[in-house]
Amino acid sequence: MSGIDRDMERSIERYIEELYERKPDADLLRVKDGIRERQLRDISVHPGYGRLLTLLAAVSGARRALEIGAFFGYSGICIARGLRP
């Protein structure tokens, strides 16, 4: 077991979500809608982790990335948004 219990982890996630609360994202909402329409189990990354992927791609200064995805592209969108032109 890790050093943080599940309740503490949820509290931290809620706190971070409140700090970075943003308006709904049309592209990511379309991904989620596609999953729901097909009645699939949503295994996409949590929105907070998606924002982290964007941040990590941006601070790395990367111009290209290879994302080996297994679903609808949520993570790929997040990574691509952090890439430099």
Protein backbone atom coordinates (compact mmCIF):
# COMPACT_ATOMS: atom_id res chain seq x y z
CA MET A 1 0.00 0.00 0.00
CA SER A 2 1.22 3.49 -0.75
CA GLY A 3 1.81 6.16 1.86
CA ILE A 4 -1.43 8.02 1.01
CA ASP A 5 -4.80 6.47 1.67
CA ARG A 6 -7.58 6.65 -0.91
CA ASP A 7 -9.58 9.35 0.94
CA MET A 8 -6.53 11.61 1.07
CA GLU A 9 -5.86 10.98 -2.62
CA ARG A 10 -9.44 12.00 -3.49
CA SER A 11 -9.12 15.14 -1.36
CA ILE A 12 -5.93 16.11 -3.17
CA GLU A 13 -7.53 15.51 -6.58
CA ARG A 14 -10.55 17.65 -5.65
CA TYR A 15 -8.26 20.44 -4.43
CA ILE A 16 -6.25 20.41 -7.66
CA GLU A 17 -9.46 20.36 -9.74
CA GLU A 18 -10.71 23.43 -7.88
CA LEU A 19 -7.41 25.24 -8.49
CA TYR A 20 -7.48 24.56 -12.20
CA GLU A 21 -11.19 24.54 -12.85
CA ARG A 22 -11.77 25.37 -16.48
CA LYS A 23 -14.67 25.73 -18.81
CA PRO A 24 -15.71 22.56 -20.66
CA ASP A 25 -13.39 21.56 -23.48
CA ALA A 26 -15.25 20.78 -26.72
CA ASP A 27 -12.71 18.26 -28.07
CA LEU A 28 -12.42 16.32 -24.85
CA LEU A 29 -16.19 16.40 -24.36
CA ARG A 30 -16.61 14.87 -27.83
CA VAL A 31 -14.27 12.05 -26.80
CA LYS A 32 -16.31 11.42 -23.65
CA ASP A 33 -19.58 11.59 -25.62
CA GLY A 34 -18.27 9.01 -28.10
CA ILE A 35 -17.45 6.66 -25.25
CA ARG A 36 -20.90 7.09 -23.70
CA GLU A 37 -22.72 6.71 -27.03
CA ARG A 38 -21.04 3.36 -27.56
CA GLN A 39 -21.82 2.35 -23.97
CA LEU A 40 -18.17 1.60 -23.25
CA ARG A 41 -16.42 1.73 -19.93
CA ASP A 42 -14.50 5.00 -19.71
CA ILE A 43 -10.84 4.18 -19.11
CA SER A 44 -9.56 7.59 -20.19
CA VAL A 45 -7.19 9.43 -17.91
CA HIS A 46 -8.70 11.70 -15.26
CA PRO A 47 -9.01 15.31 -16.54
CA GLY A 48 -6.42 16.45 -13.98
CA TYR A 49 -3.92 13.94 -15.32
CA GLY A 50 -4.75 15.10 -18.84
CA ARG A 51 -3.80 18.64 -17.85
CA LEU A 52 -0.61 17.24 -16.32
CA LEU A 53 0.24 15.51 -19.62
CA THR A 54 -0.23 18.84 -21.42
CA LEU A 55 2.00 20.59 -18.89
CA LEU A 56 4.73 17.95 -19.08
CA ALA A 57 4.76 18.06 -22.87
CA ALA A 58 4.96 21.86 -22.79
CA VAL A 59 7.77 22.14 -20.23
CA SER A 60 9.79 19.47 -22.03
CA GLY A 61 9.87 21.65 -25.13
CA ALA A 62 8.98 18.67 -27.29
CA ARG A 63 7.94 19.20 -30.88
CA ARG A 64 6.86 15.60 -31.46
CA ALA A 65 5.47 12.83 -29.29
CA LEU A 66 4.48 9.22 -29.75
CA GLU A 67 1.45 8.22 -27.72
CA ILE A 68 0.52 4.55 -27.86
CA GLY A 69 -3.14 4.78 -26.98
CA ALA A 70 -5.70 2.13 -26.37
CA PHE A 71 -8.97 3.99 -26.56
CA PHE A 72 -10.46 7.21 -27.98
CA GLY A 73 -7.50 9.60 -27.95
CA TYR A 74 -8.09 11.63 -24.77
CA SER A 75 -4.44 11.37 -23.68
CA GLY A 76 -3.20 12.01 -27.21
CA ILE A 77 -5.15 15.25 -27.42
CA CYS A 78 -3.75 16.36 -24.08
CA ILE A 79 -0.16 15.58 -25.08
CA ALA A 80 -0.54 17.21 -28.51
CA ARG A 81 -1.74 20.43 -26.92
CA GLY A 82 1.53 20.75 -25.03
CA LEU A 83 3.78 20.32 -28.05
CA ARG A 84 5.68 23.24 -29.50
CA PRO A 85 4.80 24.31 -33.06
